[in-house]
């Protein structure tokens, strides 16, 4: 294999790797948008307990307050790094976590 053919071979190999990586990256991007919605949805039963049933017994104010604080930090991080799925997820989590904290304080 001559030098020119070798370079062409390397270039083709690199392009195949990029295309393969691109498909995997796009799949993961799409998957993370689904996860960004599913994760906050999993919080809804706790939200329902507090706001619909008006029961805050057994719901830790400290834990849900910490979750809200962590969501703020993740949201700031995601905005700085322009990570859209993380922005979406943490924005939703911050709203839900805050609603649970408010409900616990309101119904205590």
PDB file of N, CA and C in Angstrom:
ATOM      1  N   UNK A   1       0.862  -1.168   0.000  1.00  0.00           N
ATOM      2  CA  UNK A   1       0.000   0.000   0.000  1.00  0.00           C
ATOM      3  C   UNK A   1       0.907   1.229   0.000  1.00  0.00           C
ATOM      4  N   UNK A   2       0.662   2.118  -0.950  1.00  0.00           N
ATOM      5  CA  UNK A   2       1.468   3.335  -1.034  1.00  0.00           C
ATOM      6  C   UNK A   2       1.057   4.350   0.014  1.00  0.00           C
ATOM      7  N   UNK A   3       1.885   5.386   0.161  1.00  0.00           N
ATOM      8  CA  UNK A   3       1.633   6.420   1.165  1.00  0.00           C
ATOM      9  C   UNK A   3       0.269   7.091   0.954  1.00  0.00           C
ATOM     10  N   UNK A   4      -0.047   7.435  -0.286  1.00  0.00           N
ATOM     11  CA  UNK A   4      -1.331   8.087  -0.588  1.00  0.00           C
ATOM     12  C   UNK A   4      -2.509   7.185  -0.285  1.00  0.00           C
ATOM     13  N   UNK A   5      -2.374   5.897  -0.649  1.00  0.00           N
ATOM     14  CA  UNK A   5      -3.442   4.941  -0.370  1.00  0.00           C
ATOM     15  C   UNK A   5      -3.619   4.750   1.137  1.00  0.00           C
ATOM     16  N   UNK A   6      -2.513   4.740   1.857  1.00  0.00           N
ATOM     17  CA  UNK A   6      -2.570   4.579   3.311  1.00  0.00           C
ATOM     18  C   UNK A   6      -3.304   5.750   3.952  1.00  0.00           C
ATOM     19  N   UNK A   7      -2.988   6.955   3.493  1.00  0.00           N
ATOM     20  CA  UNK A   7      -3.677   8.145   4.042  1.00  0.00           C
ATOM     21  C   UNK A   7      -5.170   8.091   3.731  1.00  0.00           C
ATOM     22  N   UNK A   8      -5.513   7.680   2.505  1.00  0.00           N
ATOM     23  CA  UNK A   8      -6.916   7.556   2.127  1.00  0.00           C
ATOM     24  C   UNK A   8      -7.604   6.523   3.017  1.00  0.00           C
ATOM     25  N   UNK A   9      -6.928   5.395   3.246  1.00  0.00           N
ATOM     26  CA  UNK A   9      -7.459   4.353   4.114  1.00  0.00           C
ATOM     27  C   UNK A   9      -7.706   4.898   5.527  1.00  0.00           C
ATOM     28  N   UNK A  10      -6.732   5.637   6.070  1.00  0.00           N
ATOM     29  CA  UNK A  10      -6.880   6.207   7.413  1.00  0.00           C
ATOM     30  C   UNK A  10      -8.038   7.199   7.464  1.00  0.00           C
ATOM     31  N   UNK A  11      -8.142   8.023   6.422  1.00  0.00           N
ATOM     32  CA  UNK A  11      -9.221   9.018   6.362  1.00  0.00           C
ATOM     33  C   UNK A  11     -10.583   8.315   6.310  1.00  0.00           C
ATOM     34  N   UNK A  12     -10.691   7.282   5.485  1.00  0.00           N
ATOM     35  CA  UNK A  12     -11.951   6.541   5.387  1.00  0.00           C
ATOM     36  C   UNK A  12     -12.299   5.862   6.709  1.00  0.00           C
ATOM     37  N   UNK A  13     -11.287   5.290   7.343  1.00  0.00           N
ATOM     38  CA  UNK A  13     -11.499   4.643   8.645  1.00  0.00           C
ATOM     39  C   UNK A  13     -11.973   5.663   9.687  1.00  0.00           C
ATOM     40  N   UNK A  14     -11.339   6.839   9.692  1.00  0.00           N
ATOM     41  CA  UNK A  14     -11.726   7.893  10.635  1.00  0.00           C
ATOM     42  C   UNK A  14     -13.147   8.362  10.368  1.00  0.00           C
ATOM     43  N   UNK A  15     -13.532   8.486   9.106  1.00  0.00           N
ATOM     44  CA  UNK A  15     -14.891   8.920   8.765  1.00  0.00           C
ATOM     45  C   UNK A  15     -15.919   7.882   9.194  1.00  0.00           C
ATOM     46  N   UNK A  16     -15.602   6.585   9.016  1.00  0.00           N
ATOM     47  CA  UNK A  16     -16.512   5.535   9.469  1.00  0.00           C
ATOM     48  C   UNK A  16     -16.689   5.610  10.977  1.00  0.00           C
ATOM     49  N   UNK A  17     -15.598   5.843  11.696  1.00  0.00           N
ATOM     50  CA  UNK A  17     -15.662   5.962  13.156  1.00  0.00           C
ATOM     51  C   UNK A  17     -16.531   7.146  13.558  1.00  0.00           C
ATOM     52  N   UNK A  18     -16.348   8.285  12.856  1.00  0.00           N
ATOM     53  CA  UNK A  18     -17.146   9.475  13.169  1.00  0.00           C
ATOM     54  C   UNK A  18     -18.626   9.204  12.922  1.00  0.00           C
ATOM     55  N   UNK A  19     -18.951   8.558  11.776  1.00  0.00           N
ATOM     56  CA  UNK A  19     -20.342   8.272  11.471  1.00  0.00           C
ATOM     57  C   UNK A  19     -20.945   7.349  12.521  1.00  0.00           C
ATOM     58  N   UNK A  20     -20.191   6.329  12.903  1.00  0.00           N
ATOM     59  CA  UNK A  20     -20.656   5.392  13.925  1.00  0.00           C
ATOM     60  C   UNK A  20     -20.835   6.116  15.255  1.00  0.00           C
ATOM     61  N   UNK A  21     -19.866   6.943  15.599  1.00  0.00           N
ATOM     62  CA  UNK A  21     -19.961   7.721  16.840  1.00  0.00           C
ATOM     63  C   UNK A  21     -21.129   8.691  16.766  1.00  0.00           C
ATOM     64  N   UNK A  22     -21.348   9.276  15.601  1.00  0.00           N
ATOM     65  CA  UNK A  22     -22.444  10.226  15.429  1.00  0.00           C
ATOM     66  C   UNK A  22     -23.793   9.582  15.664  1.00  0.00           C
ATOM     67  N   UNK A  23     -23.974   8.366  15.160  1.00  0.00           N
ATOM     68  CA  UNK A  23     -25.236   7.645  15.349  1.00  0.00           C
ATOM     69  C   UNK A  23     -25.425   7.335  16.831  1.00  0.00           C
ATOM     70  N   UNK A  24     -24.368   6.875  17.484  1.00  0.00           N
ATOM     71  CA  UNK A  24     -24.442   6.563  18.908  1.00  0.00           C
ATOM     72  C   UNK A  24     -24.722   7.824  19.729  1.00  0.00           C
ATOM     73  N   UNK A  25     -24.055   8.903  19.364  1.00  0.00           N
ATOM     74  CA  UNK A  25     -24.247  10.163  20.094  1.00  0.00           C
ATOM     75  C   UNK A  25     -25.672  10.674  19.910  1.00  0.00           C
ATOM     76  N   UNK A  26     -26.193  10.595  18.686  1.00  0.00           N
ATOM     77  CA  UNK A  26     -27.575  11.052  18.450  1.00  0.00           C
ATOM     78  C   UNK A  26     -28.568  10.192  19.225  1.00  0.00           C
ATOM     79  N   UNK A  27     -28.323   8.866  19.248  1.00  0.00           N
ATOM     80  CA  UNK A  27     -29.195   7.976  20.013  1.00  0.00           C
ATOM     81  C   UNK A  27     -29.180   8.364  21.491  1.00  0.00           C
ATOM     82  N   UNK A  28     -27.982   8.602  22.044  1.00  0.00           N
ATOM     83  CA  UNK A  28     -27.870   8.975  23.453  1.00  0.00           C
ATOM     84  C   UNK A  28     -28.523  10.327  23.715  1.00  0.00           C
ATOM     85  N   UNK A  29     -28.363  11.273  22.788  1.00  0.00           N
ATOM     86  CA  UNK A  29     -29.013  12.579  22.938  1.00  0.00           C
ATOM     87  C   UNK A  29     -30.528  12.407  23.016  1.00  0.00           C
ATOM     88  N   UNK A  30     -31.078  11.612  22.097  1.00  0.00           N
ATOM     89  CA  UNK A  30     -32.525  11.375  22.099  1.00  0.00           C
ATOM     90  C   UNK A  30     -32.962  10.659  23.374  1.00  0.00           C
ATOM     91  N   UNK A  31     -32.185   9.662  23.778  1.00  0.00           N
ATOM     92  CA  UNK A  31     -32.500   8.924  25.000  1.00  0.00           C
ATOM     93  C   UNK A  31     -32.492   9.841  26.218  1.00  0.00           C
ATOM     94  N   UNK A  32     -31.544  10.763  26.280  1.00  0.00           N
ATOM     95  CA  UNK A  32     -31.450  11.650  27.438  1.00  0.00           C
ATOM     96  C   UNK A  32     -32.626  12.618  27.514  1.00  0.00           C
ATOM     97  N   UNK A  33     -33.206  12.986  26.371  1.00  0.00           N
ATOM     98  CA  UNK A  33     -34.424  13.804  26.421  1.00  0.00           C
ATOM     99  C   UNK A  33     -35.574  12.999  27.026  1.00  0.00           C
ATOM    100  N   UNK A  34     -35.651  11.720  26.715  1.00  0.00           N
ATOM    101  CA  UNK A  34     -36.682  10.858  27.303  1.00  0.00           C
ATOM    102  C   UNK A  34     -36.448  10.754  28.806  1.00  0.00           C
ATOM    103  N   UNK A  35     -35.209  10.529  29.209  1.00  0.00           N
ATOM    104  CA  UNK A  35     -34.864  10.437  30.634  1.00  0.00           C
ATOM    105  C   UNK A  35     -35.152  11.770  31.337  1.00  0.00           C
ATOM    106  N   UNK A  36     -34.914  12.873  30.639  1.00  0.00           N
ATOM    107  CA  UNK A  36     -35.155  14.199  31.220  1.00  0.00           C
ATOM    108  C   UNK A  36     -36.627  14.398  31.565  1.00  0.00           C
ATOM    109  N   UNK A  37     -37.505  13.705  30.879  1.00  0.00           N
ATOM    110  CA  UNK A  37     -38.944  13.785  31.178  1.00  0.00           C
ATOM    111  C   UNK A  37     -39.338  12.722  32.208  1.00  0.00           C
ATOM    112  N   UNK A  38     -38.819  11.509  32.045  1.00  0.00           N
ATOM    113  CA  UNK A  38     -39.207  10.405  32.930  1.00  0.00           C
ATOM    114  C   UNK A  38     -38.780  10.651  34.376  1.00  0.00           C
ATOM    115  N   UNK A  39     -37.573  11.160  34.584  1.00  0.00           N
ATOM    116  CA  UNK A  39     -37.079  11.369  35.958  1.00  0.00           C
ATOM    117  C   UNK A  39     -38.010  12.279  36.763  1.00  0.00           C
ATOM    118  N   UNK A  40     -38.401  13.442  36.238  1.00  0.00           N
ATOM    119  CA  UNK A  40     -39.340  14.268  37.015  1.00  0.00           C
ATOM    120  C   UNK A  40     -40.710  13.609  37.190  1.00  0.00           C
ATOM    121  N   UNK A  41     -41.156  12.843  36.209  1.00  0.00           N
ATOM    122  CA  UNK A  41     -42.460  12.170  36.321  1.00  0.00           C
ATOM    123  C   UNK A  41     -42.463  11.209  37.506  1.00  0.00           C
ATOM    124  N   UNK A  42     -41.315  10.612  37.806  1.00  0.00           N
ATOM    125  CA  UNK A  42     -41.231   9.685  38.939  1.00  0.00           C
ATOM    126  C   UNK A  42     -41.432  10.396  40.282  1.00  0.00           C
ATOM    127  N   UNK A  43     -41.378  11.709  40.293  1.00  0.00           N
ATOM    128  CA  UNK A  43     -41.581  12.490  41.508  1.00  0.00           C
ATOM    129  C   UNK A  43     -43.065  12.759  41.767  1.00  0.00           C
ATOM    130  N   UNK A  44     -43.872  12.580  40.756  1.00  0.00           N
ATOM    131  CA  UNK A  44     -45.296  12.932  40.855  1.00  0.00           C
ATOM    132  C   UNK A  44     -46.033  12.201  41.983  1.00  0.00           C
ATOM    133  N   UNK A  45     -45.794  10.908  42.245  1.00  0.00           N
ATOM    134  CA  UNK A  45     -46.513  10.278  43.371  1.00  0.00           C
ATOM    135  C   UNK A  45     -46.276  10.995  44.712  1.00  0.00           C
ATOM    136  N   UNK A  46     -45.062  11.444  44.957  1.00  0.00           N
ATOM    137  CA  UNK A  46     -44.774  12.169  46.204  1.00  0.00           C
ATOM    138  C   UNK A  46     -45.505  13.513  46.206  1.00  0.00           C
ATOM    139  N   UNK A  47     -45.508  14.154  45.055  1.00  0.00           N
ATOM    140  CA  UNK A  47     -46.221  15.432  44.910  1.00  0.00           C
ATOM    141  C   UNK A  47     -47.716  15.247  45.170  1.00  0.00           C
ATOM    142  N   UNK A  48     -48.271  14.162  44.656  1.00  0.00           N
ATOM    143  CA  UNK A  48     -49.702  13.881  44.855  1.00  0.00           C
ATOM    144  C   UNK A  48     -50.007  13.628  46.328  1.00  0.00           C
ATOM    145  N   UNK A  49     -49.113  12.899  47.015  1.00  0.00           N
ATOM    146  CA  UNK A  49     -49.321  12.633  48.433  1.00  0.00           C
ATOM    147  C   UNK A  49     -49.422  13.938  49.208  1.00  0.00           C
ATOM    148  N   UNK A  50     -48.546  14.874  48.882  1.00  0.00           N
ATOM    149  CA  UNK A  50     -48.515  16.126  49.636  1.00  0.00           C
ATOM    150  C   UNK A  50     -49.672  17.040  49.248  1.00  0.00           C
ATOM    151  N   UNK A  51     -49.906  17.239  47.965  1.00  0.00           N
ATOM    152  CA  UNK A  51     -50.870  18.253  47.534  1.00  0.00           C
ATOM    153  C   UNK A  51     -52.299  17.728  47.372  1.00  0.00           C
ATOM    154  N   UNK A  52     -52.474  16.510  46.914  1.00  0.00           N
ATOM    155  CA  UNK A  52     -53.836  15.993  46.710  1.00  0.00           C
ATOM    156  C   UNK A  52     -54.375  15.373  47.993  1.00  0.00           C
ATOM    157  N   UNK A  53     -53.565  14.523  48.615  1.00  0.00           N
ATOM    158  CA  UNK A  53     -53.988  13.878  49.869  1.00  0.00           C
ATOM    159  C   UNK A  53     -53.742  14.757  51.085  1.00  0.00           C
ATOM    160  N   UNK A  54     -52.976  15.819  50.888  1.00  0.00           N
ATOM    161  CA  UNK A  54     -52.631  16.765  51.951  1.00  0.00           C
ATOM    162  C   UNK A  54     -51.953  16.061  53.128  1.00  0.00           C
ATOM    163  N   UNK A  55     -51.066  15.109  52.802  1.00  0.00           N
ATOM    164  CA  UNK A  55     -50.331  14.359  53.808  1.00  0.00           C
ATOM    165  C   UNK A  55     -48.840  14.620  53.645  1.00  0.00           C
ATOM    166  N   UNK A  56     -48.269  15.259  54.648  1.00  0.00           N
ATOM    167  CA  UNK A  56     -46.829  15.499  54.592  1.00  0.00           C
ATOM    168  C   UNK A  56     -46.076  14.624  55.589  1.00  0.00           C
ATOM    169  N   UNK A  57     -46.817  13.831  56.337  1.00  0.00           N
ATOM    170  CA  UNK A  57     -46.176  12.933  57.293  1.00  0.00           C
ATOM    171  C   UNK A  57     -45.332  11.904  56.534  1.00  0.00           C
ATOM    172  N   UNK A  58     -44.097  11.750  56.969  1.00  0.00           N
ATOM    173  CA  UNK A  58     -43.195  10.810  56.318  1.00  0.00           C
ATOM    174  C   UNK A  58     -42.446  11.400  55.133  1.00  0.00           C
ATOM    175  N   UNK A  59     -42.715  12.660  54.810  1.00  0.00           N
ATOM    176  CA  UNK A  59     -42.020  13.324  53.710  1.00  0.00           C
ATOM    177  C   UNK A  59     -40.959  14.228  54.334  1.00  0.00           C
ATOM    178  N   UNK A  60     -39.711  13.973  54.025  1.00  0.00           N
ATOM    179  CA  UNK A  60     -38.610  14.691  54.652  1.00  0.00           C
ATOM    180  C   UNK A  60     -38.387  16.063  54.013  1.00  0.00           C
ATOM    181  N   UNK A  61     -38.612  17.090  54.810  1.00  0.00           N
ATOM    182  CA  UNK A  61     -38.366  18.455  54.343  1.00  0.00           C
ATOM    183  C   UNK A  61     -36.888  18.647  54.012  1.00  0.00           C
ATOM    184  N   UNK A  62     -36.021  18.106  54.854  1.00  0.00           N
ATOM    185  CA  UNK A  62     -34.579  18.229  54.634  1.00  0.00           C
ATOM    186  C   UNK A  62     -34.159  17.567  53.311  1.00  0.00           C
ATOM    187  N   UNK A  63     -34.663  16.362  53.069  1.00  0.00           N
ATOM    188  CA  UNK A  63     -34.300  15.640  51.848  1.00  0.00           C
ATOM    189  C   UNK A  63     -34.788  16.362  50.606  1.00  0.00           C
ATOM    190  N   UNK A  64     -36.052  16.749  50.585  1.00  0.00           N
ATOM    191  CA  UNK A  64     -36.592  17.405  49.393  1.00  0.00           C
ATOM    192  C   UNK A  64     -36.014  18.800  49.211  1.00  0.00           C
ATOM    193  N   UNK A  65     -35.677  19.467  50.315  1.00  0.00           N
ATOM    194  CA  UNK A  65     -34.981  20.753  50.213  1.00  0.00           C
ATOM    195  C   UNK A  65     -33.598  20.571  49.611  1.00  0.00           C
ATOM    196  N   UNK A  66     -32.920  19.488  50.018  1.00  0.00           N
ATOM    197  CA  UNK A  66     -31.596  19.188  49.450  1.00  0.00           C
ATOM    198  C   UNK A  66     -31.713  18.856  47.965  1.00  0.00           C
ATOM    199  N   UNK A  67     -32.738  18.084  47.594  1.00  0.00           N
ATOM    200  CA  UNK A  67     -32.954  17.786  46.177  1.00  0.00           C
ATOM    201  C   UNK A  67     -33.130  19.079  45.376  1.00  0.00           C
ATOM    202  N   UNK A  68     -33.902  20.007  45.923  1.00  0.00           N
ATOM    203  CA  UNK A  68     -34.118  21.282  45.229  1.00  0.00           C
ATOM    204  C   UNK A  68     -32.804  22.051  45.093  1.00  0.00           C
ATOM    205  N   UNK A  69     -32.009  22.062  46.158  1.00  0.00           N
ATOM    206  CA  UNK A  69     -30.717  22.741  46.107  1.00  0.00           C
ATOM    207  C   UNK A  69     -29.775  22.118  45.089  1.00  0.00           C
ATOM    208  N   UNK A  70     -29.748  20.795  45.041  1.00  0.00           N
ATOM    209  CA  UNK A  70     -28.912  20.098  44.071  1.00  0.00           C
ATOM    210  C   UNK A  70     -29.400  20.388  42.647  1.00  0.00           C
ATOM    211  N   UNK A  71     -30.710  20.462  42.467  1.00  0.00           N
ATOM    212  CA  UNK A  71     -31.257  20.791  41.144  1.00  0.00           C
ATOM    213  C   UNK A  71     -30.812  22.172  40.683  1.00  0.00           C
ATOM    214  N   UNK A  72     -30.744  23.115  41.615  1.00  0.00           N
ATOM    215  CA  UNK A  72     -30.262  24.465  41.268  1.00  0.00           C
ATOM    216  C   UNK A  72     -28.825  24.388  40.755  1.00  0.00           C
ATOM    217  N   UNK A  73     -27.989  23.643  41.466  1.00  0.00           N
ATOM    218  CA  UNK A  73     -26.588  23.522  41.052  1.00  0.00           C
ATOM    219  C   UNK A  73     -26.462  22.830  39.696  1.00  0.00           C
ATOM    220  N   UNK A  74     -27.208  21.743  39.487  1.00  0.00           N
ATOM    221  CA  UNK A  74     -27.173  21.059  38.201  1.00  0.00           C
ATOM    222  C   UNK A  74     -27.695  21.956  37.084  1.00  0.00           C
ATOM    223  N   UNK A  75     -28.717  22.736  37.392  1.00  0.00           N
ATOM    224  CA  UNK A  75     -29.283  23.644  36.393  1.00  0.00           C
ATOM    225  C   UNK A  75     -28.264  24.698  35.979  1.00  0.00           C
ATOM    226  N   UNK A  76     -27.580  25.275  36.934  1.00  0.00           N
ATOM    227  CA  UNK A  76     -26.530  26.262  36.632  1.00  0.00           C
ATOM    228  C   UNK A  76     -25.433  25.616  35.787  1.00  0.00           C
ATOM    229  N   UNK A  77     -24.999  24.439  36.194  1.00  0.00           N
ATOM    230  CA  UNK A  77     -23.969  23.709  35.453  1.00  0.00           C
ATOM    231  C   UNK A  77     -24.413  23.458  34.007  1.00  0.00           C
ATOM    232  N   UNK A  78     -25.644  22.978  33.860  1.00  0.00           N
ATOM    233  CA  UNK A  78     -26.165  22.657  32.525  1.00  0.00           C
ATOM    234  C   UNK A  78     -26.291  23.891  31.644  1.00  0.00           C
ATOM    235  N   UNK A  79     -26.690  25.010  32.237  1.00  0.00           N
ATOM    236  CA  UNK A  79     -26.794  26.256  31.463  1.00  0.00           C
ATOM    237  C   UNK A  79     -25.416  26.703  31.004  1.00  0.00           C
ATOM    238  N   UNK A  80     -24.439  26.652  31.896  1.00  0.00           N
ATOM    239  CA  UNK A  80     -23.071  27.043  31.539  1.00  0.00           C
ATOM    240  C   UNK A  80     -22.533  26.169  30.409  1.00  0.00           C
ATOM    241  N   UNK A  81     -22.813  24.858  30.484  1.00  0.00           N
ATOM    242  CA  UNK A  81     -22.286  23.918  29.489  1.00  0.00           C
ATOM    243  C   UNK A  81     -23.245  23.676  28.322  1.00  0.00           C
ATOM    244  N   UNK A  82     -24.372  24.380  28.334  1.00  0.00           N
ATOM    245  CA  UNK A  82     -25.368  24.289  27.260  1.00  0.00           C
ATOM    246  C   UNK A  82     -25.812  22.845  27.008  1.00  0.00           C
ATOM    247  N   UNK A  83     -26.107  22.143  28.098  1.00  0.00           N
ATOM    248  CA  UNK A  83     -26.573  20.754  28.030  1.00  0.00           C
ATOM    249  C   UNK A  83     -28.102  20.750  28.116  1.00  0.00           C
ATOM    250  N   UNK A  84     -28.749  20.801  26.964  1.00  0.00           N
ATOM    251  CA  UNK A  84     -30.205  20.962  26.920  1.00  0.00           C
ATOM    252  C   UNK A  84     -30.985  19.885  27.665  1.00  0.00           C
ATOM    253  N   UNK A  85     -30.650  18.589  27.518  1.00  0.00           N
ATOM    254  CA  UNK A  85     -31.432  17.601  28.280  1.00  0.00           C
ATOM    255  C   UNK A  85     -31.313  17.796  29.792  1.00  0.00           C
ATOM    256  N   UNK A  86     -30.131  18.176  30.257  1.00  0.00           N
ATOM    257  CA  UNK A  86     -29.932  18.387  31.690  1.00  0.00           C
ATOM    258  C   UNK A  86     -30.670  19.650  32.135  1.00  0.00           C
ATOM    259  N   UNK A  87     -30.671  20.674  31.306  1.00  0.00           N
ATOM    260  CA  UNK A  87     -31.424  21.898  31.617  1.00  0.00           C
ATOM    261  C   UNK A  87     -32.898  21.544  31.780  1.00  0.00           C
ATOM    262  N   UNK A  88     -33.447  20.812  30.821  1.00  0.00           N
ATOM    263  CA  UNK A  88     -34.861  20.425  30.875  1.00  0.00           C
ATOM    264  C   UNK A  88     -35.163  19.618  32.131  1.00  0.00           C
ATOM    265  N   UNK A  89     -34.368  18.593  32.365  1.00  0.00           N
ATOM    266  CA  UNK A  89     -34.593  17.722  33.505  1.00  0.00           C
ATOM    267  C   UNK A  89     -34.504  18.476  34.826  1.00  0.00           C
ATOM    268  N   UNK A  90     -33.467  19.245  35.000  1.00  0.00           N
ATOM    269  CA  UNK A  90     -33.261  19.926  36.284  1.00  0.00           C
ATOM    270  C   UNK A  90     -34.230  21.078  36.493  1.00  0.00           C
ATOM    271  N   UNK A  91     -34.668  21.715  35.425  1.00  0.00           N
ATOM    272  CA  UNK A  91     -35.700  22.747  35.546  1.00  0.00           C
ATOM    273  C   UNK A  91     -36.993  22.119  36.063  1.00  0.00           C
ATOM    274  N   UNK A  92     -37.375  20.985  35.455  1.00  0.00           N
ATOM    275  CA  UNK A  92     -38.581  20.291  35.907  1.00  0.00           C
ATOM    276  C   UNK A  92     -38.428  19.777  37.336  1.00  0.00           C
ATOM    277  N   UNK A  93     -37.260  19.210  37.636  1.00  0.00           N
ATOM    278  CA  UNK A  93     -37.018  18.701  38.991  1.00  0.00           C
ATOM    279  C   UNK A  93     -37.068  19.824  40.021  1.00  0.00           C
ATOM    280  N   UNK A  94     -36.496  20.968  39.694  1.00  0.00           N
ATOM    281  CA  UNK A  94     -36.515  22.102  40.617  1.00  0.00           C
ATOM    282  C   UNK A  94     -37.946  22.531  40.925  1.00  0.00           C
ATOM    283  N   UNK A  95     -38.780  22.590  39.911  1.00  0.00           N
ATOM    284  CA  UNK A  95     -40.182  22.966  40.119  1.00  0.00           C
ATOM    285  C   UNK A  95     -40.880  21.942  41.021  1.00  0.00           C
ATOM    286  N   UNK A  96     -40.737  20.663  40.689  1.00  0.00           N
ATOM    287  CA  UNK A  96     -41.413  19.618  41.474  1.00  0.00           C
ATOM    288  C   UNK A  96     -40.874  19.529  42.891  1.00  0.00           C
ATOM    289  N   UNK A  97     -39.550  19.563  43.037  1.00  0.00           N
ATOM    290  CA  UNK A  97     -38.949  19.513  44.378  1.00  0.00           C
ATOM    291  C   UNK A  97     -39.422  20.692  45.221  1.00  0.00           C
ATOM    292  N   UNK A  98     -39.461  21.868  44.612  1.00  0.00           N
ATOM    293  CA  UNK A  98     -39.900  23.076  45.332  1.00  0.00           C
ATOM    294  C   UNK A  98     -41.359  22.966  45.735  1.00  0.00           C
ATOM    295  N   UNK A  99     -42.186  22.424  44.852  1.00  0.00           N
ATOM    296  CA  UNK A  99     -43.602  22.245  45.193  1.00  0.00           C
ATOM    297  C   UNK A  99     -43.771  21.275  46.364  1.00  0.00           C
ATOM    298  N   UNK A 100     -42.960  20.248  46.407  1.00  0.00           N
ATOM    299  CA  UNK A 100     -43.024  19.308  47.532  1.00  0.00           C
ATOM    300  C   UNK A 100     -42.595  20.000  48.817  1.00  0.00           C
ATOM    301  N   UNK A 101     -41.513  20.767  48.762  1.00  0.00           N
ATOM    302  CA  UNK A 101     -41.041  21.502  49.958  1.00  0.00           C
ATOM    303  C   UNK A 101     -42.125  22.458  50.436  1.00  0.00           C
ATOM    304  N   UNK A 102     -42.725  23.200  49.521  1.00  0.00           N
ATOM    305  CA  UNK A 102     -43.784  24.152  49.897  1.00  0.00           C
ATOM    306  C   UNK A 102     -44.968  23.402  50.498  1.00  0.00           C
ATOM    307  N   UNK A 103     -45.333  22.271  49.884  1.00  0.00           N
ATOM    308  CA  UNK A 103     -46.440  21.477  50.409  1.00  0.00           C
ATOM    309  C   UNK A 103     -46.181  20.939  51.794  1.00  0.00           C
ATOM    310  N   UNK A 104     -44.974  20.473  52.032  1.00  0.00           N
ATOM    311  CA  UNK A 104     -44.610  19.961  53.362  1.00  0.00           C
ATOM    312  C   UNK A 104     -44.725  21.091  54.386  1.00  0.00           C
ATOM    313  N   UNK A 105     -44.223  22.266  54.033  1.00  0.00           N
ATOM    314  CA  UNK A 105     -44.318  23.405  54.959  1.00  0.00           C
ATOM    315  C   UNK A 105     -45.777  23.819  55.177  1.00  0.00           C
ATOM    316  N   UNK A 106     -46.565  23.762  54.133  1.00  0.00           N
ATOM    317  CA  UNK A 106     -47.951  24.200  54.194  1.00  0.00           C
ATOM    318  C   UNK A 106     -48.821  23.219  54.991  1.00  0.00           C
ATOM    319  N   UNK A 107     -48.583  21.931  54.822  1.00  0.00           N
ATOM    320  CA  UNK A 107     -49.443  20.920  55.446  1.00  0.00           C
ATOM    321  C   UNK A 107     -48.851  20.277  56.683  1.00  0.00           C
ATOM    322  N   UNK A 108     -47.808  20.867  57.242  1.00  0.00           N
ATOM    323  CA  UNK A 108     -47.197  20.328  58.450  1.00  0.00           C
ATOM    324  C   UNK A 108     -48.002  20.665  59.678  1.00  0.00           C
TER     325      UNK A 108
END
